[in-house]
Amino acid sequence: MKNFKKIREEALRQQVRYDDVFREGDHIMSSYTGDKGTIHRIGPNYVICISEYGDMFRAWIKDVRHINLNESINKDRKSTILKHGKAKTNQ
């Protein structure tokens, strides 16, 4: 029986070879370190990125995830704070 993790990594590498997954300029996040940035260059099994602060970092393709800057999950959220028995909503 094959290890599912190895099969997934092989499939991901093959998709990268055919430019199906990542492209230069995509916004990504390293799931290993949490660094966010934009792809500067793509290698056979790694990407070189420029972080939000202008630093360059390298990450394995298996540890990189797309992030969508336009989705509502990345926006500030409203929270309700109880003060003196009344709810106050911060915006």
PDB file of N, CA and C in Angstrom:
ATOM      1  N   MET A   1       0.847  -1.181   0.000  1.00  0.00           N
ATOM      2  CA  MET A   1       0.000   0.000   0.000  1.00  0.00           C
ATOM      3  C   MET A   1       0.890   1.242   0.000  1.00  0.00           C
ATOM      4  N   LYS A   2       0.553   2.202  -0.877  1.00  0.00           N
ATOM      5  CA  LYS A   2       1.344   3.429  -0.989  1.00  0.00           C
ATOM      6  C   LYS A   2       0.931   4.441   0.065  1.00  0.00           C
ATOM      7  N   ASN A   3       1.867   5.271   0.411  1.00  0.00           N
ATOM      8  CA  ASN A   3       1.624   6.330   1.361  1.00  0.00           C
ATOM      9  C   ASN A   3       0.902   7.469   0.648  1.00  0.00           C
ATOM     10  N   PHE A   4      -0.252   7.880   1.171  1.00  0.00           N
ATOM     11  CA  PHE A   4      -1.054   8.917   0.531  1.00  0.00           C
ATOM     12  C   PHE A   4      -0.304  10.245   0.466  1.00  0.00           C
ATOM     13  N   LYS A   5       0.491  10.552   1.486  1.00  0.00           N
ATOM     14  CA  LYS A   5       1.226  11.816   1.511  1.00  0.00           C
ATOM     15  C   LYS A   5       2.209  11.896   0.347  1.00  0.00           C
ATOM     16  N   LYS A   6       2.905  10.793   0.041  1.00  0.00           N
ATOM     17  CA  LYS A   6       3.849  10.783  -1.073  1.00  0.00           C
ATOM     18  C   LYS A   6       3.128  10.918  -2.407  1.00  0.00           C
ATOM     19  N   ILE A   7       1.990  10.269  -2.537  1.00  0.00           N
ATOM     20  CA  ILE A   7       1.208  10.371  -3.778  1.00  0.00           C
ATOM     21  C   ILE A   7       0.753  11.810  -3.988  1.00  0.00           C
ATOM     22  N   ARG A   8       0.304  12.465  -2.914  1.00  0.00           N
ATOM     23  CA  ARG A   8      -0.144  13.853  -3.008  1.00  0.00           C
ATOM     24  C   ARG A   8       1.006  14.763  -3.427  1.00  0.00           C
ATOM     25  N   GLU A   9       2.195  14.566  -2.852  1.00  0.00           N
ATOM     26  CA  GLU A   9       3.347  15.394  -3.195  1.00  0.00           C
ATOM     27  C   GLU A   9       3.769  15.185  -4.646  1.00  0.00           C
ATOM     28  N   GLU A  10       3.727  13.943  -5.133  1.00  0.00           N
ATOM     29  CA  GLU A  10       4.071  13.671  -6.532  1.00  0.00           C
ATOM     30  C   GLU A  10       3.075  14.343  -7.469  1.00  0.00           C
ATOM     31  N   ALA A  11       1.790  14.278  -7.130  1.00  0.00           N
ATOM     32  CA  ALA A  11       0.763  14.907  -7.962  1.00  0.00           C
ATOM     33  C   ALA A  11       0.937  16.422  -7.980  1.00  0.00           C
ATOM     34  N   LEU A  12       1.274  16.995  -6.838  1.00  0.00           N
ATOM     35  CA  LEU A  12       1.489  18.431  -6.760  1.00  0.00           C
ATOM     36  C   LEU A  12       2.681  18.859  -7.605  1.00  0.00           C
ATOM     37  N   ARG A  13       3.774  18.090  -7.555  1.00  0.00           N
ATOM     38  CA  ARG A  13       4.951  18.406  -8.373  1.00  0.00           C
ATOM     39  C   ARG A  13       4.620  18.347  -9.858  1.00  0.00           C
ATOM     40  N   GLN A  14       3.826  17.351 -10.250  1.00  0.00           N
ATOM     41  CA  GLN A  14       3.457  17.218 -11.650  1.00  0.00           C
ATOM     42  C   GLN A  14       2.572  18.387 -12.089  1.00  0.00           C
ATOM     43  N   GLN A  15       1.654  18.812 -11.242  1.00  0.00           N
ATOM     44  CA  GLN A  15       0.809  19.961 -11.580  1.00  0.00           C
ATOM     45  C   GLN A  15       1.648  21.223 -11.731  1.00  0.00           C
ATOM     46  N   VAL A  16       2.661  21.380 -10.887  1.00  0.00           N
ATOM     47  CA  VAL A  16       3.525  22.561 -10.979  1.00  0.00           C
ATOM     48  C   VAL A  16       4.301  22.549 -12.281  1.00  0.00           C
ATOM     49  N   ARG A  17       4.752  21.377 -12.705  1.00  0.00           N
ATOM     50  CA  ARG A  17       5.488  21.281 -13.973  1.00  0.00           C
ATOM     51  C   ARG A  17       4.656  21.782 -15.142  1.00  0.00           C
ATOM     52  N   TYR A  18       3.355  21.535 -15.088  1.00  0.00           N
ATOM     53  CA  TYR A  18       2.475  21.947 -16.180  1.00  0.00           C
ATOM     54  C   TYR A  18       1.808  23.297 -15.916  1.00  0.00           C
ATOM     55  N   ASP A  19       2.312  24.057 -14.942  1.00  0.00           N
ATOM     56  CA  ASP A  19       1.790  25.393 -14.604  1.00  0.00           C
ATOM     57  C   ASP A  19       0.313  25.378 -14.230  1.00  0.00           C
ATOM     58  N   ASP A  20      -0.136  24.321 -13.555  1.00  0.00           N
ATOM     59  CA  ASP A  20      -1.534  24.253 -13.145  1.00  0.00           C
ATOM     60  C   ASP A  20      -1.787  24.849 -11.764  1.00  0.00           C
ATOM     61  N   VAL A  21      -0.763  24.992 -10.949  1.00  0.00           N
ATOM     62  CA  VAL A  21      -0.984  25.361  -9.554  1.00  0.00           C
ATOM     63  C   VAL A  21      -0.548  26.790  -9.255  1.00  0.00           C
ATOM     64  N   PHE A  22       0.733  27.045  -9.273  1.00  0.00           N
ATOM     65  CA  PHE A  22       1.262  28.348  -8.879  1.00  0.00           C
ATOM     66  C   PHE A  22       1.846  29.079 -10.082  1.00  0.00           C
ATOM     67  N   ARG A  23       1.708  30.392 -10.069  1.00  0.00           N
ATOM     68  CA  ARG A  23       2.292  31.238 -11.097  1.00  0.00           C
ATOM     69  C   ARG A  23       2.982  32.413 -10.416  1.00  0.00           C
ATOM     70  N   GLU A  24       3.919  33.025 -11.106  1.00  0.00           N
ATOM     71  CA  GLU A  24       4.588  34.199 -10.553  1.00  0.00           C
ATOM     72  C   GLU A  24       3.564  35.301 -10.334  1.00  0.00           C
ATOM     73  N   GLY A  25       3.647  35.940  -9.186  1.00  0.00           N
ATOM     74  CA  GLY A  25       2.702  37.001  -8.840  1.00  0.00           C
ATOM     75  C   GLY A  25       1.552  36.548  -7.966  1.00  0.00           C
ATOM     76  N   ASP A  26       1.374  35.228  -7.766  1.00  0.00           N
ATOM     77  CA  ASP A  26       0.315  34.725  -6.891  1.00  0.00           C
ATOM     78  C   ASP A  26       0.636  35.053  -5.436  1.00  0.00           C
ATOM     79  N   HIS A  27      -0.398  35.300  -4.665  1.00  0.00           N
ATOM     80  CA  HIS A  27      -0.240  35.552  -3.233  1.00  0.00           C
ATOM     81  C   HIS A  27      -0.337  34.218  -2.509  1.00  0.00           C
ATOM     82  N   ILE A  28       0.659  33.937  -1.677  1.00  0.00           N
ATOM     83  CA  ILE A  28       0.718  32.642  -0.998  1.00  0.00           C
ATOM     84  C   ILE A  28       1.046  32.839   0.476  1.00  0.00           C
ATOM     85  N   MET A  29       0.878  31.739   1.220  1.00  0.00           N
ATOM     86  CA  MET A  29       1.283  31.697   2.615  1.00  0.00           C
ATOM     87  C   MET A  29       1.972  30.369   2.863  1.00  0.00           C
ATOM     88  N   SER A  30       3.074  30.407   3.563  1.00  0.00           N
ATOM     89  CA  SER A  30       3.779  29.186   3.934  1.00  0.00           C
ATOM     90  C   SER A  30       3.061  28.577   5.129  1.00  0.00           C
ATOM     91  N   SER A  31       2.563  27.361   4.985  1.00  0.00           N
ATOM     92  CA  SER A  31       1.866  26.724   6.093  1.00  0.00           C
ATOM     93  C   SER A  31       2.831  26.265   7.170  1.00  0.00           C
ATOM     94  N   TYR A  32       4.113  26.206   6.857  1.00  0.00           N
ATOM     95  CA  TYR A  32       5.130  25.786   7.827  1.00  0.00           C
ATOM     96  C   TYR A  32       5.538  26.939   8.738  1.00  0.00           C
ATOM     97  N   THR A  33       5.751  28.131   8.165  1.00  0.00           N
ATOM     98  CA  THR A  33       6.212  29.279   8.957  1.00  0.00           C
ATOM     99  C   THR A  33       5.151  30.353   9.135  1.00  0.00           C
ATOM    100  N   GLY A  34       4.131  30.376   8.282  1.00  0.00           N
ATOM    101  CA  GLY A  34       3.100  31.405   8.361  1.00  0.00           C
ATOM    102  C   GLY A  34       3.443  32.673   7.615  1.00  0.00           C
ATOM    103  N   ASP A  35       4.591  32.703   6.921  1.00  0.00           N
ATOM    104  CA  ASP A  35       4.983  33.887   6.152  1.00  0.00           C
ATOM    105  C   ASP A  35       4.061  34.057   4.954  1.00  0.00           C
ATOM    106  N   LYS A  36       3.669  35.299   4.686  1.00  0.00           N
ATOM    107  CA  LYS A  36       2.826  35.610   3.526  1.00  0.00           C
ATOM    108  C   LYS A  36       3.639  36.415   2.546  1.00  0.00           C
ATOM    109  N   GLY A  37       3.365  36.218   1.253  1.00  0.00           N
ATOM    110  CA  GLY A  37       4.092  36.977   0.251  1.00  0.00           C
ATOM    111  C   GLY A  37       3.599  36.703  -1.151  1.00  0.00           C
ATOM    112  N   THR A  38       4.367  37.205  -2.113  1.00  0.00           N
ATOM    113  CA  THR A  38       4.064  37.057  -3.532  1.00  0.00           C
ATOM    114  C   THR A  38       5.164  36.225  -4.176  1.00  0.00           C
ATOM    115  N   ILE A  39       4.773  35.307  -5.051  1.00  0.00           N
ATOM    116  CA  ILE A  39       5.750  34.432  -5.707  1.00  0.00           C
ATOM    117  C   ILE A  39       6.597  35.251  -6.678  1.00  0.00           C
ATOM    118  N   HIS A  40       7.913  35.129  -6.524  1.00  0.00           N
ATOM    119  CA  HIS A  40       8.868  35.813  -7.403  1.00  0.00           C
ATOM    120  C   HIS A  40       9.402  34.852  -8.457  1.00  0.00           C
ATOM    121  N   ARG A  41       9.685  33.609  -8.057  1.00  0.00           N
ATOM    122  CA  ARG A  41      10.224  32.600  -8.970  1.00  0.00           C
ATOM    123  C   ARG A  41       9.769  31.226  -8.518  1.00  0.00           C
ATOM    124  N   ILE A  42       9.553  30.334  -9.484  1.00  0.00           N
ATOM    125  CA  ILE A  42       9.121  28.974  -9.185  1.00  0.00           C
ATOM    126  C   ILE A  42      10.199  28.003  -9.642  1.00  0.00           C
ATOM    127  N   GLY A  43      10.629  27.149  -8.725  1.00  0.00           N
ATOM    128  CA  GLY A  43      11.598  26.109  -9.037  1.00  0.00           C
ATOM    129  C   GLY A  43      10.894  24.772  -9.214  1.00  0.00           C
ATOM    130  N   PRO A  44      11.654  23.688  -9.372  1.00  0.00           N
ATOM    131  CA  PRO A  44      11.038  22.381  -9.583  1.00  0.00           C
ATOM    132  C   PRO A  44      10.249  21.879  -8.373  1.00  0.00           C
ATOM    133  N   ASN A  45      10.675  22.216  -7.157  1.00  0.00           N
ATOM    134  CA  ASN A  45       9.936  21.772  -5.980  1.00  0.00           C
ATOM    135  C   ASN A  45       9.914  22.842  -4.887  1.00  0.00           C
ATOM    136  N   TYR A  46      10.169  24.094  -5.248  1.00  0.00           N
ATOM    137  CA  TYR A  46      10.168  25.186  -4.284  1.00  0.00           C
ATOM    138  C   TYR A  46       9.724  26.471  -4.970  1.00  0.00           C
ATOM    139  N   VAL A  47       9.409  27.474  -4.175  1.00  0.00           N
ATOM    140  CA  VAL A  47       9.101  28.803  -4.689  1.00  0.00           C
ATOM    141  C   VAL A  47       9.934  29.817  -3.916  1.00  0.00           C
ATOM    142  N   ILE A  48      10.343  30.872  -4.598  1.00  0.00           N
ATOM    143  CA  ILE A  48      11.011  31.989  -3.950  1.00  0.00           C
ATOM    144  C   ILE A  48      10.003  33.124  -3.923  1.00  0.00           C
ATOM    145  N   CYS A  49       9.792  33.676  -2.727  1.00  0.00           N
ATOM    146  CA  CYS A  49       8.751  34.674  -2.529  1.00  0.00           C
ATOM    147  C   CYS A  49       9.316  35.940  -1.928  1.00  0.00           C
ATOM    148  N   ILE A  50       8.601  37.029  -2.145  1.00  0.00           N
ATOM    149  CA  ILE A  50       8.902  38.295  -1.496  1.00  0.00           C
ATOM    150  C   ILE A  50       7.791  38.536  -0.486  1.00  0.00           C
ATOM    151  N   SER A  51       8.172  38.666   0.788  1.00  0.00           N
ATOM    152  CA  SER A  51       7.184  38.790   1.853  1.00  0.00           C
ATOM    153  C   SER A  51       6.533  40.169   1.824  1.00  0.00           C
ATOM    154  N   GLU A  52       5.538  40.342   2.695  1.00  0.00           N
ATOM    155  CA  GLU A  52       4.837  41.622   2.799  1.00  0.00           C
ATOM    156  C   GLU A  52       5.774  42.744   3.196  1.00  0.00           C
ATOM    157  N   TYR A  53       6.884  42.402   3.875  1.00  0.00           N
ATOM    158  CA  TYR A  53       7.822  43.395   4.380  1.00  0.00           C
ATOM    159  C   TYR A  53       9.027  43.593   3.459  1.00  0.00           C
ATOM    160  N   GLY A  54       9.049  42.924   2.311  1.00  0.00           N
ATOM    161  CA  GLY A  54      10.128  43.084   1.354  1.00  0.00           C
ATOM    162  C   GLY A  54      11.253  42.073   1.490  1.00  0.00           C
ATOM    163  N   ASP A  55      11.160  41.152   2.439  1.00  0.00           N
ATOM    164  CA  ASP A  55      12.177  40.117   2.606  1.00  0.00           C
ATOM    165  C   ASP A  55      11.901  38.959   1.664  1.00  0.00           C
ATOM    166  N   MET A  56      12.965  38.297   1.204  1.00  0.00           N
ATOM    167  CA  MET A  56      12.797  37.119   0.351  1.00  0.00           C
ATOM    168  C   MET A  56      12.882  35.869   1.208  1.00  0.00           C
ATOM    169  N   PHE A  57      12.032  34.890   0.882  1.00  0.00           N
ATOM    170  CA  PHE A  57      12.110  33.601   1.554  1.00  0.00           C
ATOM    171  C   PHE A  57      11.802  32.498   0.559  1.00  0.00           C
ATOM    172  N   ARG A  58      12.299  31.315   0.871  1.00  0.00           N
ATOM    173  CA  ARG A  58      12.092  30.147   0.023  1.00  0.00           C
ATOM    174  C   ARG A  58      11.223  29.159   0.783  1.00  0.00           C
ATOM    175  N   ALA A  59      10.291  28.536   0.084  1.00  0.00           N
ATOM    176  CA  ALA A  59       9.406  27.562   0.712  1.00  0.00           C
ATOM    177  C   ALA A  59       9.211  26.382  -0.232  1.00  0.00           C
ATOM    178  N   TRP A  60       9.071  25.202   0.346  1.00  0.00           N
ATOM    179  CA  TRP A  60       8.758  24.016  -0.457  1.00  0.00           C
ATOM    180  C   TRP A  60       7.346  24.137  -0.995  1.00  0.00           C
ATOM    181  N   ILE A  61       7.130  23.619  -2.178  1.00  0.00           N
ATOM    182  CA  ILE A  61       5.806  23.701  -2.801  1.00  0.00           C
ATOM    183  C   ILE A  61       4.758  22.978  -1.959  1.00  0.00           C
ATOM    184  N   LYS A  62       5.150  21.895  -1.311  1.00  0.00           N
ATOM    185  CA  LYS A  62       4.187  21.145  -0.499  1.00  0.00           C
ATOM    186  C   LYS A  62       3.745  21.929   0.735  1.00  0.00           C
ATOM    187  N   ASP A  63       4.514  22.959   1.136  1.00  0.00           N
ATOM    188  CA  ASP A  63       4.188  23.751   2.316  1.00  0.00           C
ATOM    189  C   ASP A  63       3.539  25.085   1.988  1.00  0.00           C
ATOM    190  N   VAL A  64       3.201  25.329   0.720  1.00  0.00           N
ATOM    191  CA  VAL A  64       2.670  26.624   0.291  1.00  0.00           C
ATOM    192  C   VAL A  64       1.185  26.490  -0.015  1.00  0.00           C
ATOM    193  N   ARG A  65       0.418  27.505   0.394  1.00  0.00           N
ATOM    194  CA  ARG A  65      -1.021  27.542   0.131  1.00  0.00           C
ATOM    195  C   ARG A  65      -1.384  28.890  -0.474  1.00  0.00           C
ATOM    196  N   HIS A  66      -2.358  28.879  -1.392  1.00  0.00           N
ATOM    197  CA  HIS A  66      -2.867  30.127  -1.965  1.00  0.00           C
ATOM    198  C   HIS A  66      -3.630  30.903  -0.893  1.00  0.00           C
ATOM    199  N   ILE A  67      -3.554  32.220  -0.959  1.00  0.00           N
ATOM    200  CA  ILE A  67      -4.427  33.058  -0.141  1.00  0.00           C
ATOM    201  C   ILE A  67      -5.128  34.028  -1.072  1.00  0.00           C
ATOM    202  N   ASN A  68      -6.370  34.321  -0.757  1.00  0.00           N
ATOM    203  CA  ASN A  68      -7.161  35.237  -1.557  1.00  0.00           C
ATOM    204  C   ASN A  68      -7.319  36.529  -0.782  1.00  0.00           C
ATOM    205  N   LEU A  69      -6.763  37.595  -1.272  1.00  0.00           N
ATOM    206  CA  LEU A  69      -6.801  38.867  -0.568  1.00  0.00           C
ATOM    207  C   LEU A  69      -8.162  39.537  -0.637  1.00  0.00           C
ATOM    208  N   ASN A  70      -9.037  39.099  -1.533  1.00  0.00           N
ATOM    209  CA  ASN A  70     -10.330  39.745  -1.706  1.00  0.00           C
ATOM    210  C   ASN A  70     -11.452  39.076  -0.919  1.00  0.00           C
ATOM    211  N   GLU A  71     -11.199  37.936  -0.329  1.00  0.00           N
ATOM    212  CA  GLU A  71     -12.241  37.215   0.395  1.00  0.00           C
ATOM    213  C   GLU A  71     -12.537  37.882   1.730  1.00  0.00           C
ATOM    214  N   SER A  72     -13.736  37.676   2.212  1.00  0.00           N
ATOM    215  CA  SER A  72     -14.144  38.303   3.464  1.00  0.00           C
ATOM    216  C   SER A  72     -13.433  37.693   4.668  1.00  0.00           C
ATOM    217  N   ILE A  73     -12.868  36.515   4.539  1.00  0.00           N
ATOM    218  CA  ILE A  73     -12.198  35.886   5.671  1.00  0.00           C
ATOM    219  C   ILE A  73     -10.944  36.661   6.068  1.00  0.00           C
ATOM    220  N   ASN A  74     -10.373  37.426   5.165  1.00  0.00           N
ATOM    221  CA  ASN A  74      -9.174  38.191   5.465  1.00  0.00           C
ATOM    222  C   ASN A  74      -9.472  39.602   5.947  1.00  0.00           C
ATOM    223  N   LYS A  75     -10.734  39.993   5.992  1.00  0.00           N
ATOM    224  CA  LYS A  75     -11.104  41.339   6.423  1.00  0.00           C
ATOM    225  C   LYS A  75     -11.267  41.369   7.943  1.00  0.00           C
ATOM    226  N   ASP A  76     -11.226  42.575   8.504  1.00  0.00           N
ATOM    227  CA  ASP A  76     -11.478  42.725   9.930  1.00  0.00           C
ATOM    228  C   ASP A  76     -12.908  42.313  10.232  1.00  0.00           C
ATOM    229  N   ARG A  77     -13.087  41.674  11.363  1.00  0.00           N
ATOM    230  CA  ARG A  77     -14.414  41.192  11.728  1.00  0.00           C
ATOM    231  C   ARG A  77     -15.032  42.082  12.799  1.00  0.00           C
ATOM    232  N   LYS A  78     -16.344  42.127  12.794  1.00  0.00           N
ATOM    233  CA  LYS A  78     -17.058  42.852  13.828  1.00  0.00           C
ATOM    234  C   LYS A  78     -17.109  41.977  15.072  1.00  0.00           C
ATOM    235  N   SER A  79     -16.993  42.578  16.219  1.00  0.00           N
ATOM    236  CA  SER A  79     -17.087  41.823  17.461  1.00  0.00           C
ATOM    237  C   SER A  79     -18.059  42.518  18.399  1.00  0.00           C
ATOM    238  N   THR A  80     -18.680  41.738  19.242  1.00  0.00           N
ATOM    239  CA  THR A  80     -19.619  42.270  20.204  1.00  0.00           C
ATOM    240  C   THR A  80     -18.978  42.181  21.581  1.00  0.00           C
ATOM    241  N   ILE A  81     -18.971  43.285  22.286  1.00  0.00           N
ATOM    242  CA  ILE A  81     -18.394  43.333  23.624  1.00  0.00           C
ATOM    243  C   ILE A  81     -19.499  43.721  24.598  1.00  0.00           C
ATOM    244  N   LEU A  82     -19.615  42.943  25.662  1.00  0.00           N
ATOM    245  CA  LEU A  82     -20.621  43.253  26.673  1.00  0.00           C
ATOM    246  C   LEU A  82     -20.030  44.224  27.694  1.00  0.00           C
ATOM    247  N   LYS A  83     -20.691  45.345  27.885  1.00  0.00           N
ATOM    248  CA  LYS A  83     -20.280  46.325  28.888  1.00  0.00           C
ATOM    249  C   LYS A  83     -21.505  46.750  29.685  1.00  0.00           C
ATOM    250  N   HIS A  84     -21.449  46.540  30.967  1.00  0.00           N
ATOM    251  CA  HIS A  84     -22.512  46.934  31.881  1.00  0.00           C
ATOM    252  C   HIS A  84     -23.864  46.360  31.461  1.00  0.00           C
ATOM    253  N   GLY A  85     -23.860  45.103  31.012  1.00  0.00           N
ATOM    254  CA  GLY A  85     -25.109  44.443  30.666  1.00  0.00           C
ATOM    255  C   GLY A  85     -25.654  44.805  29.301  1.00  0.00           C
ATOM    256  N   LYS A  86     -25.002  45.700  28.571  1.00  0.00           N
ATOM    257  CA  LYS A  86     -25.456  46.085  27.230  1.00  0.00           C
ATOM    258  C   LYS A  86     -24.409  45.684  26.208  1.00  0.00           C
ATOM    259  N   ALA A  87     -24.863  45.292  25.056  1.00  0.00           N
ATOM    260  CA  ALA A  87     -23.947  44.886  23.986  1.00  0.00           C
ATOM    261  C   ALA A  87     -23.491  46.107  23.214  1.00  0.00           C
ATOM    262  N   LYS A  88     -22.188  46.198  22.992  1.00  0.00           N
ATOM    263  CA  LYS A  88     -21.626  47.278  22.193  1.00  0.00           C
ATOM    264  C   LYS A  88     -20.898  46.638  21.018  1.00  0.00           C
ATOM    265  N   THR A  89     -21.200  47.078  19.809  1.00  0.00           N
ATOM    266  CA  THR A  89     -20.616  46.491  18.626  1.00  0.00           C
ATOM    267  C   THR A  89     -19.475  47.371  18.123  1.00  0.00           C
ATOM    268  N   ASN A  90     -18.294  46.781  17.970  1.00  0.00           N
ATOM    269  CA  ASN A  90     -17.151  47.504  17.407  1.00  0.00           C
ATOM    270  C   ASN A  90     -17.132  47.331  15.910  1.00  0.00           C
ATOM    271  N   GLN A  91     -16.782  48.368  15.181  1.00  0.00           N
ATOM    272  CA  GLN A  91     -16.711  48.257  13.720  1.00  0.00           C
ATOM    273  C   GLN A  91     -15.401  48.706  13.212  1.00  0.00           C
TER     274      GLN A  91
END
